[in-house]
C-alpha atoms as a PDB file:
ATOM      1  CA  MET A   1      25.176  23.401 -37.967  1.00  0.00           C
ATOM      2  CA  GLY A   2      24.860  27.195 -38.098  1.00  0.00           C
ATOM      3  CA  SER A   3      21.161  27.070 -38.894  1.00  0.00           C
ATOM      4  CA  GLU A   4      20.610  24.492 -36.122  1.00  0.00           C
ATOM      5  CA  HIS A   5      22.204  26.752 -33.494  1.00  0.00           C
ATOM      6  CA  GLU A   6      20.219  29.687 -34.824  1.00  0.00           C
ATOM      7  CA  ILE A   7      16.915  27.774 -34.600  1.00  0.00           C
ATOM      8  CA  ILE A   8      17.673  26.671 -31.025  1.00  0.00           C
ATOM      9  CA  ARG A   9      18.596  30.253 -30.101  1.00  0.00           C
ATOM     10  CA  VAL A  10      15.401  31.631 -31.632  1.00  0.00           C
ATOM     11  CA  GLY A  11      13.415  28.910 -29.838  1.00  0.00           C
ATOM     12  CA  LYS A  12      14.835  29.932 -26.449  1.00  0.00           C
ATOM     13  CA  GLU A  13      14.074  33.600 -27.135  1.00  0.00           C
ATOM     14  CA  LEU A  14      10.538  32.643 -28.162  1.00  0.00           C
ATOM     15  CA  ASP A  15      10.087  30.690 -24.909  1.00  0.00           C
ATOM     16  CA  LYS A  16      11.079  33.798 -22.937  1.00  0.00           C
ATOM     17  CA  VAL A  17       8.565  35.916 -24.815  1.00  0.00           C
ATOM     18  CA  VAL A  18       5.780  33.348 -24.250  1.00  0.00           C
ATOM     19  CA  GLN A  19       6.497  32.954 -20.538  1.00  0.00           C
ATOM     20  CA  HIS A  20       7.256  36.545 -19.539  1.00  0.00           C
ATOM     21  CA  ASP A  21       5.984  38.997 -22.161  1.00  0.00           C
ATOM     22  CA  PRO A  22       3.520  37.469 -24.667  1.00  0.00           C
ATOM     23  CA  MET A  23       2.211  40.948 -25.541  1.00  0.00           C
ATOM     24  CA  ASN A  24       5.591  42.088 -26.901  1.00  0.00           C
ATOM     25  CA  GLU A  25       4.434  42.109 -30.526  1.00  0.00           C
ATOM     26  CA  GLU A  26       7.599  43.640 -31.946  1.00  0.00           C
ATOM     27  CA  MET A  27       9.878  40.968 -30.467  1.00  0.00           C
ATOM     28  CA  ALA A  28       7.444  38.198 -31.430  1.00  0.00           C
ATOM     29  CA  LEU A  29       7.269  39.393 -35.040  1.00  0.00           C
ATOM     30  CA  ASP A  30      11.064  39.551 -35.343  1.00  0.00           C
ATOM     31  CA  LEU A  31      11.433  35.980 -34.031  1.00  0.00           C
ATOM     32  CA  LEU A  32       8.661  34.562 -36.237  1.00  0.00           C
ATOM     33  CA  ARG A  33      10.075  36.248 -39.339  1.00  0.00           C
ATOM     34  CA  ALA A  34      13.494  34.846 -38.504  1.00  0.00           C
ATOM     35  CA  LEU A  35      11.962  31.353 -38.323  1.00  0.00           C
ATOM     36  CA  GLN A  36      10.427  31.804 -41.780  1.00  0.00           C
ATOM     37  CA  SER A  37      13.866  32.261 -43.293  1.00  0.00           C
ATOM     38  CA  LEU A  38      15.505  29.311 -41.490  1.00  0.00           C
ATOM     39  CA  PRO A  39      15.471  25.741 -42.890  1.00  0.00           C
ATOM     40  CA  MET A  40      13.530  23.387 -40.622  1.00  0.00           C
ATOM     41  CA  ASN A  41      13.453  19.614 -40.310  1.00  0.00           C
ATOM     42  CA  LEU A  42      11.684  17.189 -37.994  1.00  0.00           C
ATOM     43  CA  ASP A  43      14.743  16.563 -35.802  1.00  0.00           C
ATOM     44  CA  LEU A  44      15.232  20.264 -35.101  1.00  0.00           C
ATOM     45  CA  LEU A  45      11.507  20.713 -34.601  1.00  0.00           C
ATOM     46  CA  GLN A  46      11.392  18.049 -31.887  1.00  0.00           C
ATOM     47  CA  LYS A  47      14.689  19.052 -30.284  1.00  0.00           C
ATOM     48  CA  SER A  48      13.860  22.765 -29.946  1.00  0.00           C
ATOM     49  CA  ARG A  49      10.131  22.304 -29.101  1.00  0.00           C
ATOM     50  CA  ILE A  50       9.600  25.482 -31.074  1.00  0.00           C
ATOM     51  CA  GLY A  51       6.231  24.296 -32.385  1.00  0.00           C
ATOM     52  CA  MET A  52       4.699  24.406 -28.918  1.00  0.00           C
ATOM     53  CA  SER A  53       5.978  27.931 -28.195  1.00  0.00           C
ATOM     54  CA  THR A  54       4.736  29.178 -31.564  1.00  0.00           C
ATOM     55  CA  ASN A  55       1.277  27.735 -30.970  1.00  0.00           C
ATOM     56  CA  VAL A  56       1.011  29.232 -27.451  1.00  0.00           C
ATOM     57  CA  LEU A  57       2.083  32.617 -28.865  1.00  0.00           C
ATOM     58  CA  ARG A  58      -0.571  32.263 -31.568  1.00  0.00           C
ATOM     59  CA  LYS A  59      -3.269  31.749 -28.939  1.00  0.00           C
ATOM     60  CA  LYS A  60      -2.141  34.508 -26.554  1.00  0.00           C
ATOM     61  CA  SER A  61      -1.079  37.265 -28.933  1.00  0.00           C
ATOM     62  CA  GLN A  62      -3.589  39.994 -29.789  1.00  0.00           C
ATOM     63  CA  SER A  63      -1.729  40.993 -32.941  1.00  0.00           C
ATOM     64  CA  PRO A  64      -3.343  39.719 -36.179  1.00  0.00           C
ATOM     65  CA  GLU A  65       0.032  39.739 -37.931  1.00  0.00           C
ATOM     66  CA  VAL A  66       1.628  37.542 -35.250  1.00  0.00           C
ATOM     67  CA  THR A  67      -1.313  35.132 -35.444  1.00  0.00           C
ATOM     68  CA  VAL A  68      -1.140  34.868 -39.257  1.00  0.00           C
ATOM     69  CA  ILE A  69       2.625  34.210 -39.350  1.00  0.00           C
ATOM     70  CA  ALA A  70       2.384  31.668 -36.498  1.00  0.00           C
ATOM     71  CA  LYS A  71      -0.400  29.792 -38.330  1.00  0.00           C
ATOM     72  CA  LYS A  72       1.656  29.674 -41.528  1.00  0.00           C
ATOM     73  CA  LEU A  73       4.679  28.314 -39.684  1.00  0.00           C
ATOM     74  CA  ILE A  74       2.676  25.614 -37.910  1.00  0.00           C
ATOM     75  CA  LYS A  75       0.992  24.619 -41.175  1.00  0.00           C
ATOM     76  CA  SER A  76       4.360  24.306 -42.938  1.00  0.00           C
ATOM     77  CA  TRP A  77       5.855  22.334 -40.059  1.00  0.00           C
ATOM     78  CA  LYS A  78       2.989  19.860 -40.072  1.00  0.00           C
ATOM     79  CA  LYS A  79       4.103  18.796 -43.537  1.00  0.00           C
ATOM     80  CA  LEU A  80       7.316  17.478 -41.969  1.00  0.00           C
ATOM     81  CA  LEU A  81       5.434  14.886 -39.928  1.00  0.00           C
ATOM     82  CA  PRO A  82       6.497  11.325 -40.864  1.00  0.00           C
ATOM     83  CA  SER A  83       4.010   8.835 -42.215  1.00  0.00           C
ATOM     84  CA  ASN A  84       5.885   5.570 -41.467  1.00  0.00           C
ATOM     85  CA  GLY A  85       8.720   6.569 -39.156  1.00  0.00           C
ATOM     86  CA  LYS A  86      10.841   8.319 -41.885  1.00  0.00           C
ATOM     87  CA  GLU A  87      10.915  11.990 -42.647  1.00  0.00           C
ATOM     88  CA  ALA A  88       9.127  12.855 -45.919  1.00  0.00           C
ATOM     89  CA  THR A  89       9.650  16.369 -47.177  1.00  0.00           C
ATOM     90  CA  THR A  90       8.289  15.955 -50.728  1.00  0.00           C
ATOM     91  CA  PRO A  91       5.540  13.781 -52.268  1.00  0.00           C
ATOM     92  CA  GLU A  92       8.150  11.915 -54.317  1.00  0.00           C
ATOM     93  CA  GLU A  93      10.055  10.847 -51.190  1.00  0.00           C
ATOM     94  CA  ARG A  94       7.007   9.553 -49.322  1.00  0.00           C
ATOM     95  CA  PRO A  95       6.761   5.738 -49.300  1.00  0.00           C
ATOM     96  CA  GLU A  96       3.937   4.079 -51.144  1.00  0.00           C
ATOM     97  CA  PRO A  97       1.236   2.355 -49.056  1.00  0.00           C
ATOM     98  CA  ALA A  98       1.705  -1.362 -48.428  1.00  0.00           C
ATOM     99  CA  PRO A  99      -0.040  -3.472 -51.069  1.00  0.00           C
ATOM    100  CA  ARG A 100      -2.939  -5.656 -50.102  1.00  0.00           C
ATOM    101  CA  LEU A 101      -2.188  -9.335 -49.963  1.00  0.00           C
ATOM    102  CA  PRO A 102      -4.188 -11.400 -52.470  1.00  0.00           C
ATOM    103  CA  THR A 103      -6.788 -13.651 -50.957  1.00  0.00           C
ATOM    104  CA  PRO A 104      -5.643 -17.265 -51.342  1.00  0.00           C
ATOM    105  CA  PRO A 105      -8.045 -19.632 -53.096  1.00  0.00           C
ATOM    106  CA  PRO A 106     -10.100 -21.880 -50.854  1.00  0.00           C
ATOM    107  CA  PRO A 107      -8.791 -25.432 -50.344  1.00  0.00           C
ATOM    108  CA  PRO A 108     -10.409 -28.093 -52.500  1.00  0.00           C
ATOM    109  CA  SER A 109     -13.383 -29.699 -50.894  1.00  0.00           C
ATOM    110  CA  TYR A 110     -13.176 -33.386 -50.086  1.00  0.00           C
ATOM    111  CA  THR A 111     -16.088 -35.798 -50.313  1.00  0.00           C
ATOM    112  CA  PRO A 112     -15.235 -39.494 -50.010  1.00  0.00           C
ATOM    113  CA  SER A 113     -17.251 -41.575 -52.435  1.00  0.00           C
ATOM    114  CA  THR A 114     -15.801 -45.100 -52.288  1.00  0.00           C
ATOM    115  CA  PRO A 115     -13.594 -46.997 -49.875  1.00  0.00           C
ATOM    116  CA  THR A 116     -10.835 -46.880 -52.449  1.00  0.00           C
ATOM    117  CA  ASP A 117     -10.679 -43.130 -51.947  1.00  0.00           C
ATOM    118  CA  MET A 118      -9.897 -43.482 -48.237  1.00  0.00           C
ATOM    119  CA  PRO A 119      -6.083 -43.810 -48.603  1.00  0.00           C
ATOM    120  CA  ASN A 120      -6.043 -40.409 -50.225  1.00  0.00           C
ATOM    121  CA  THR A 121      -7.913 -38.816 -47.315  1.00  0.00           C
ATOM    122  CA  PRO A 122      -5.816 -36.127 -45.675  1.00  0.00           C
ATOM    123  CA  ASP A 123      -4.820 -36.524 -42.061  1.00  0.00           C
ATOM    124  CA  ILE A 124      -7.128 -34.779 -39.563  1.00  0.00           C
ATOM    125  CA  ASN A 125      -4.231 -32.763 -38.165  1.00  0.00           C
ATOM    126  CA  THR A 126      -3.609 -31.225 -41.578  1.00  0.00           C
ATOM    127  CA  LEU A 127      -7.155 -29.932 -41.973  1.00  0.00           C
ATOM    128  CA  PRO A 128      -7.622 -26.236 -41.292  1.00  0.00           C
ATOM    129  CA  ASN A 129      -9.355 -25.123 -38.090  1.00  0.00           C
ATOM    130  CA  GLY A 130      -8.698 -28.392 -36.223  1.00  0.00           C
ATOM    131  CA  GLY A 131     -10.197 -30.741 -38.818  1.00  0.00           C
ATOM    132  CA  SER A 132     -13.591 -29.056 -39.195  1.00  0.00           C
ATOM    133  CA  GLY A 133     -13.077 -28.807 -42.943  1.00  0.00           C
ATOM    134  CA  SER A 134     -14.301 -25.187 -42.978  1.00  0.00           C
ATOM    135  CA  GLU A 135     -12.553 -22.539 -44.990  1.00  0.00           C
ATOM    136  CA  PRO A 136      -9.871 -20.684 -42.963  1.00  0.00           C
ATOM    137  CA  THR A 137     -10.326 -17.046 -42.203  1.00  0.00           C
ATOM    138  CA  THR A 138      -7.901 -14.963 -44.252  1.00  0.00           C
ATOM    139  CA  PRO A 139      -6.885 -11.391 -43.559  1.00  0.00           C
ATOM    140  CA  THR A 140      -8.575  -8.892 -45.836  1.00  0.00           C
ATOM    141  CA  ALA A 141      -5.968  -6.179 -45.350  1.00  0.00           C
ATOM    142  CA  VAL A 142      -2.410  -5.785 -44.115  1.00  0.00           C
ATOM    143  CA  LEU A 143      -2.028  -3.947 -40.799  1.00  0.00           C
ATOM    144  CA  LYS A 144      -0.098  -0.775 -41.416  1.00  0.00           C
ATOM    145  CA  PRO A 145       2.300   0.634 -38.819  1.00  0.00           C
ATOM    146  CA  PRO A 146       0.705   3.342 -36.651  1.00  0.00           C
ATOM    147  CA  GLN A 147       1.172   6.762 -38.106  1.00  0.00           C
ATOM    148  CA  PHE A 148       2.537   9.719 -36.214  1.00  0.00           C
ATOM    149  CA  ALA A 149      -0.722  11.541 -35.592  1.00  0.00           C
ATOM    150  CA  ALA A 150       0.411  13.909 -32.842  1.00  0.00           C
ATOM    151  CA  ASP A 151      -0.065  17.578 -33.624  1.00  0.00           C
ATOM    152  CA  ILE A 152       2.894  19.876 -33.137  1.00  0.00           C
ATOM    153  CA  SER A 153       0.795  21.946 -30.757  1.00  0.00           C
ATOM    154  CA  GLY A 154      -0.307  18.891 -28.790  1.00  0.00           C
ATOM    155  CA  ILE A 155       2.856  18.266 -26.807  1.00  0.00           C
ATOM    156  CA  ALA A 156       1.865  17.374 -23.213  1.00  0.00           C
ATOM    157  CA  ARG A 157       3.318  20.439 -21.547  1.00  0.00           C
ATOM    158  CA  GLU A 158       1.368  22.682 -19.208  1.00  0.00           C
ATOM    159  CA  PRO A 159       1.067  26.191 -20.748  1.00  0.00           C
ATOM    160  CA  PRO A 160       1.958  29.336 -18.753  1.00  0.00           C
ATOM    161  CA  THR A 161      -0.753  30.864 -16.579  1.00  0.00           C
ATOM    162  CA  GLY A 162      -0.289  34.410 -17.859  1.00  0.00           C
ATOM    163  CA  ASP A 163       0.373  35.617 -14.287  1.00  0.00           C
ATOM    164  CA  ALA A 164       3.987  36.772 -13.973  1.00  0.00           C
ATOM    165  CA  ILE A 165       4.279  35.762 -10.289  1.00  0.00           C
ATOM    166  CA  ARG A 166       2.769  32.309 -10.789  1.00  0.00           C
ATOM    167  CA  ASP A 167       4.868  31.602 -13.875  1.00  0.00           C
ATOM    168  CA  LYS A 168       8.027  32.687 -12.020  1.00  0.00           C
ATOM    169  CA  CYS A 169       7.156  30.360  -9.125  1.00  0.00           C
ATOM    170  CA  ARG A 170       6.696  27.476 -11.559  1.00  0.00           C
ATOM    171  CA  VAL A 171      10.116  28.143 -13.062  1.00  0.00           C
ATOM    172  CA  MET A 172      11.675  28.155  -9.569  1.00  0.00           C
ATOM    173  CA  LEU A 173      10.006  24.853  -8.656  1.00  0.00           C
ATOM    174  CA  CYS A 174      11.079  23.280 -11.957  1.00  0.00           C
ATOM    175  CA  THR A 175      14.677  24.409 -11.375  1.00  0.00           C
ATOM    176  CA  ALA A 176      14.599  22.897  -7.875  1.00  0.00           C
ATOM    177  CA  LEU A 177      13.382  19.561  -9.258  1.00  0.00           C
ATOM    178  CA  LYS A 178      16.303  19.493 -11.716  1.00  0.00           C
ATOM    179  CA  LYS A 179      18.936  20.026  -9.001  1.00  0.00           C
ATOM    180  CA  GLY A 180      21.641  17.378  -8.947  1.00  0.00           C
ATOM    181  CA  ARG A 181      21.172  16.431 -12.627  1.00  0.00           C
ATOM    182  CA  SER A 182      23.891  17.352 -15.095  1.00  0.00           C
ATOM    183  CA  GLU A 183      21.700  16.723 -18.157  1.00  0.00           C
ATOM    184  CA  VAL A 184      17.928  16.682 -18.605  1.00  0.00           C
ATOM    185  CA  SER A 185      16.283  15.041 -21.612  1.00  0.00           C
ATOM    186  CA  PRO A 186      13.391  16.796 -23.424  1.00  0.00           C
ATOM    187  CA  SER A 187      10.878  14.312 -21.993  1.00  0.00           C
ATOM    188  CA  ASP A 188      12.199  14.860 -18.450  1.00  0.00           C
ATOM    189  CA  GLU A 189      12.081  18.615 -19.036  1.00  0.00           C
ATOM    190  CA  ILE A 190       8.369  18.352 -19.835  1.00  0.00           C
ATOM    191  CA  LYS A 191       7.826  16.081 -16.813  1.00  0.00           C
ATOM    192  CA  PHE A 192       9.574  18.485 -14.416  1.00  0.00           C
ATOM    193  CA  ASN A 193       7.702  21.444 -15.889  1.00  0.00           C
ATOM    194  CA  ASN A 194       4.358  19.696 -15.400  1.00  0.00           C
ATOM    195  CA  LEU A 195       5.205  18.589 -11.850  1.00  0.00           C
ATOM    196  CA  ALA A 196       6.137  22.166 -10.947  1.00  0.00           C
ATOM    197  CA  ALA A 197       2.900  23.414 -12.542  1.00  0.00           C
ATOM    198  CA  TYR A 198       0.766  20.917 -10.574  1.00  0.00           C
ATOM    199  CA  ILE A 199       2.489  21.776  -7.270  1.00  0.00           C
ATOM    200  CA  GLU A 200       2.088  25.521  -7.859  1.00  0.00           C
ATOM    201  CA  ASP A 201      -1.542  25.075  -8.917  1.00  0.00           C
ATOM    202  CA  ASN A 202      -2.390  23.226  -5.674  1.00  0.00           C
ATOM    203  CA  ILE A 203      -0.741  25.976  -3.624  1.00  0.00           C
ATOM    204  CA  PHE A 204      -2.627  28.664  -5.534  1.00  0.00           C
ATOM    205  CA  LYS A 205      -5.961  26.852  -5.086  1.00  0.00           C
ATOM    206  CA  GLU A 206      -5.411  26.772  -1.330  1.00  0.00           C
ATOM    207  CA  HIS A 207      -4.521  30.469  -0.904  1.00  0.00           C
ATOM    208  CA  ARG A 208      -6.614  31.920  -3.770  1.00  0.00           C
ATOM    209  CA  ASP A 209      -4.048  34.643  -4.428  1.00  0.00           C
ATOM    210  CA  THR A 210      -0.319  35.294  -4.763  1.00  0.00           C
ATOM    211  CA  GLY A 211       0.101  37.043  -1.438  1.00  0.00           C
ATOM    212  CA  ILE A 212       2.632  36.593   1.363  1.00  0.00           C
ATOM    213  CA  LYS A 213       1.358  33.174   2.462  1.00  0.00           C
ATOM    214  CA  TYR A 214       1.436  31.880  -1.119  1.00  0.00           C
ATOM    215  CA  LYS A 215       4.998  33.105  -1.680  1.00  0.00           C
ATOM    216  CA  SER A 216       6.163  31.715   1.663  1.00  0.00           C
ATOM    217  CA  ARG A 217       4.729  28.296   0.816  1.00  0.00           C
ATOM    218  CA  VAL A 218       6.416  28.286  -2.603  1.00  0.00           C
ATOM    219  CA  ARG A 219       9.778  29.371  -1.128  1.00  0.00           C
ATOM    220  CA  SER A 220       9.580  26.532   1.381  1.00  0.00           C
ATOM    221  CA  ARG A 221       8.973  23.958  -1.406  1.00  0.00           C
ATOM    222  CA  VAL A 222      11.791  25.398  -3.534  1.00  0.00           C
ATOM    223  CA  SER A 223      14.248  25.374  -0.621  1.00  0.00           C
ATOM    224  CA  ASN A 224      13.549  21.769   0.360  1.00  0.00           C
ATOM    225  CA  LEU A 225      13.276  20.340  -3.163  1.00  0.00           C
ATOM    226  CA  GLY A 226      16.475  22.083  -4.246  1.00  0.00           C
ATOM    227  CA  ASP A 227      18.477  20.993  -1.197  1.00  0.00           C
ATOM    228  CA  LEU A 228      21.358  18.851  -2.477  1.00  0.00           C
ATOM    229  CA  LYS A 229      21.609  17.251   0.978  1.00  0.00           C
ATOM    230  CA  ASN A 230      18.023  16.036   0.721  1.00  0.00           C
ATOM    231  CA  PRO A 231      17.824  14.042  -2.557  1.00  0.00           C
ATOM    232  CA  THR A 232      15.308  11.578  -1.096  1.00  0.00           C
ATOM    233  CA  LEU A 233      12.493  14.129  -1.048  1.00  0.00           C
ATOM    234  CA  ARG A 234      13.222  15.232  -4.611  1.00  0.00           C
ATOM    235  CA  GLU A 235      13.273  11.668  -5.960  1.00  0.00           C
ATOM    236  CA  LYS A 236      10.041  10.745  -4.147  1.00  0.00           C
ATOM    237  CA  VAL A 237       8.285  13.700  -5.778  1.00  0.00           C
ATOM    238  CA  ILE A 238       9.671  12.817  -9.232  1.00  0.00           C
ATOM    239  CA  CYS A 239       8.790   9.097  -8.876  1.00  0.00           C
ATOM    240  CA  GLY A 240       5.261   9.904  -7.690  1.00  0.00           C
ATOM    241  CA  ASP A 241       5.582   8.656  -4.104  1.00  0.00           C
ATOM    242  CA  PHE A 242       4.653  12.184  -2.995  1.00  0.00           C
ATOM    243  CA  PRO A 243       1.899  13.486  -5.316  1.00  0.00           C
ATOM    244  CA  PRO A 244       1.797  17.251  -6.072  1.00  0.00           C
ATOM    245  CA  ALA A 245      -1.234  17.764  -3.812  1.00  0.00           C
ATOM    246  CA  ARG A 246       0.680  16.354  -0.829  1.00  0.00           C
ATOM    247  CA  ILE A 247       3.973  18.149  -1.415  1.00  0.00           C
ATOM    248  CA  ALA A 248       2.003  21.397  -1.773  1.00  0.00           C
ATOM    249  CA  THR A 249       0.627  21.078   1.780  1.00  0.00           C
ATOM    250  CA  MET A 250       3.424  19.136   3.480  1.00  0.00           C
ATOM    251  CA  ALA A 251       4.853  20.635   6.676  1.00  0.00           C
ATOM    252  CA  THR A 252       8.465  21.772   6.795  1.00  0.00           C
ATOM    253  CA  GLU A 253       9.314  19.092   9.356  1.00  0.00           C
ATOM    254  CA  GLU A 254       8.051  16.359   6.996  1.00  0.00           C
ATOM    255  CA  MET A 255      10.138  17.620   4.070  1.00  0.00           C
ATOM    256  CA  ALA A 256      13.385  17.805   6.068  1.00  0.00           C
ATOM    257  CA  SER A 257      16.186  15.351   5.379  1.00  0.00           C
ATOM    258  CA  ASP A 258      16.898  12.445   7.734  1.00  0.00           C
ATOM    259  CA  ASN A 259      19.952  14.201   9.190  1.00  0.00           C
ATOM    260  CA  MET A 260      17.953  17.367   9.820  1.00  0.00           C
ATOM    261  CA  LYS A 261      15.151  15.405  11.484  1.00  0.00           C
ATOM    262  CA  LYS A 262      17.679  13.685  13.756  1.00  0.00           C
ATOM    263  CA  LEU A 263      19.301  16.997  14.645  1.00  0.00           C
ATOM    264  CA  ARG A 264      15.943  18.585  15.434  1.00  0.00           C
ATOM    265  CA  ASN A 265      14.967  15.679  17.693  1.00  0.00           C
ATOM    266  CA  GLU A 266      18.236  16.006  19.612  1.00  0.00           C
ATOM    267  CA  MET A 267      17.766  19.753  19.996  1.00  0.00           C
ATOM    268  CA  THR A 268      14.196  19.231  21.217  1.00  0.00           C
ATOM    269  CA  LYS A 269      15.284  16.697  23.830  1.00  0.00           C
ATOM    270  CA  GLU A 270      18.065  19.000  25.006  1.00  0.00           C
ATOM    271  CA  ALA A 271      15.644  21.925  25.300  1.00  0.00           C
ATOM    272  CA  ILE A 272      13.250  19.783  27.326  1.00  0.00           C
ATOM    273  CA  ARG A 273      16.056  18.765  29.670  1.00  0.00           C
ATOM    274  CA  ASP A 274      17.104  22.385  30.122  1.00  0.00           C
ATOM    275  CA  ALA A 275      13.532  23.462  30.787  1.00  0.00           C
ATOM    276  CA  GLN A 276      12.887  20.898  33.466  1.00  0.00           C
ATOM    277  CA  LEU A 277      12.990  22.195  37.038  1.00  0.00           C
ATOM    278  CA  ALA A 278      16.045  21.186  38.978  1.00  0.00           C
ATOM    279  CA  GLN A 279      15.378  18.776  41.766  1.00  0.00           C
ATOM    280  CA  VAL A 280      15.477  20.446  45.143  1.00  0.00           C
ATOM    281  CA  THR A 281      18.386  19.211  47.216  1.00  0.00           C
ATOM    282  CA  GLY A 282      17.803  18.666  50.869  1.00  0.00           C
ATOM    283  CA  THR A 283      16.873  16.130  53.465  1.00  0.00           C
ATOM    284  CA  LYS A 284      13.612  14.345  52.895  1.00  0.00           C
ATOM    285  CA  SER A 285      11.393  13.963  55.931  1.00  0.00           C
ATOM    286  CA  ASP A 286       7.842  12.943  56.745  1.00  0.00           C
ATOM    287  CA  LEU A 287       7.885  14.945  59.965  1.00  0.00           C
ATOM    288  CA  LEU A 288       7.016  18.118  58.089  1.00  0.00           C
ATOM    289  CA  LYS A 289       3.492  18.662  56.769  1.00  0.00           C
ATOM    290  CA  CYS A 290       2.734  20.978  53.870  1.00  0.00           C
ATOM    291  CA  SER A 291       0.169  23.556  54.891  1.00  0.00           C
ATOM    292  CA  LYS A 292      -1.075  23.797  51.288  1.00  0.00           C
ATOM    293  CA  CYS A 293      -1.584  20.206  50.107  1.00  0.00           C
ATOM    294  CA  LYS A 294      -1.538  18.624  53.577  1.00  0.00           C
ATOM    295  CA  LYS A 295       0.973  15.954  52.536  1.00  0.00           C
ATOM    296  CA  ARG A 296       4.090  14.838  54.347  1.00  0.00           C
ATOM    297  CA  ASN A 297       6.435  14.529  51.401  1.00  0.00           C
ATOM    298  CA  CYS A 298       8.797  17.385  52.167  1.00  0.00           C
ATOM    299  CA  SER A 299      12.497  18.237  52.100  1.00  0.00           C
ATOM    300  CA  TYR A 300      14.302  20.750  54.249  1.00  0.00           C
ATOM    301  CA  THR A 301      17.614  22.515  54.627  1.00  0.00           C
ATOM    302  CA  GLN A 302      18.966  24.648  57.463  1.00  0.00           C
ATOM    303  CA  ALA A 303      21.128  27.761  57.394  1.00  0.00           C
ATOM    304  CA  GLN A 304      22.421  30.213  60.022  1.00  0.00           C
ATOM    305  CA  THR A 305      20.787  33.452  58.901  1.00  0.00           C
ATOM    306  CA  ARG A 306      20.965  35.286  62.275  1.00  0.00           C
ATOM    307  CA  SER A 307      23.521  35.667  64.982  1.00  0.00           C
ATOM    308  CA  ALA A 308      25.413  32.669  66.298  1.00  0.00           C
ATOM    309  CA  ASP A 309      23.422  32.521  69.495  1.00  0.00           C
ATOM    310  CA  GLU A 310      20.148  32.318  67.606  1.00  0.00           C
ATOM    311  CA  PRO A 311      18.711  29.022  66.288  1.00  0.00           C
ATOM    312  CA  MET A 312      19.146  28.097  62.637  1.00  0.00           C
ATOM    313  CA  THR A 313      16.485  28.889  60.036  1.00  0.00           C
ATOM    314  CA  THR A 314      14.815  25.875  58.406  1.00  0.00           C
ATOM    315  CA  PHE A 315      13.788  26.116  54.728  1.00  0.00           C
ATOM    316  CA  ALA A 316      11.102  23.587  53.802  1.00  0.00           C
ATOM    317  CA  TYR A 317       9.903  22.540  50.349  1.00  0.00           C
ATOM    318  CA  CYS A 318       6.947  20.321  49.411  1.00  0.00           C
ATOM    319  CA  ASN A 319       7.996  17.743  46.836  1.00  0.00           C
ATOM    320  CA  ASP A 320       4.377  17.310  45.655  1.00  0.00           C
ATOM    321  CA  CYS A 321       2.970  20.802  45.132  1.00  0.00           C
ATOM    322  CA  GLY A 322       6.194  22.871  45.220  1.00  0.00           C
ATOM    323  CA  TYR A 323       5.112  25.081  48.132  1.00  0.00           C
ATOM    324  CA  ARG A 324       7.994  26.682  50.067  1.00  0.00           C
ATOM    325  CA  TRP A 325       8.118  28.086  53.616  1.00  0.00           C
ATOM    326  CA  LYS A 326      10.572  28.690  56.410  1.00  0.00           C
ATOM    327  CA  PHE A 327      10.566  28.631  60.177  1.00  0.00           C
ATOM    328  CA  CYS A 328      12.984  28.877  63.071  1.00  0.00           C
END
């Protein structure tokens, strides 16, 4: 168990080096040398995904020593690949190939010569190939179970871009996709990583750089995908209902949860009601004519604005064009 924990720990450290600092030769050499001294088996190799990280480091590193050690490790790990579903570490333990089945002799030919031979004639339903009398086709070889032909470096996981900002954005998107899940299997981990990579790649292709607009778009995706109150959006992205190209360009209003959409609609309606002009109170009359639009759809009010012995002032308002005037 101690070596297993140590291999997993070294694998995590190697992932950090590959994603954030692949040029750190000293750290890479220490981790690769530690792997050389640790016992490895197929279960640990698949669980830690250390083969993929080692291969990416081999491709990106500019140090010949790192490249040589990484190649040796990958070559030794390939020997752990199973041939028929069981782990074979030595030639003695590997199962022998399935023997070929012997070809059965052809059935005896039948040629009736006299009527007395007819009772011995076999029934037509017992003849091979529906009674044609032809020799049946026999298999020439036994089908072997498919071998595990996948290379350790061929795991379907999108490699880092080499750009620190882009790789960090991919990690943030992947973390948002995993929100609400207590455990994530290795296959789901690869799926979430690839989804995050495809979303980030579509955003980068649109903006062509990692400037303010790019970062703002990524932050918006991370905020909405990681919202625990909006699991519907996250599940639609994971299930493929929203492809990466769409989620990369989707508006904030489209990504919002149902409760948030409802709240926004209510706030919009309330703002519209508040912005509407209040209806003018007054007495409607067709005796007044608007001097601007020439219509007789007016309302008026009266108020005593001068001394008591003076007539009241009339305030008129056109209900059609909104023109206001007053007269005595």
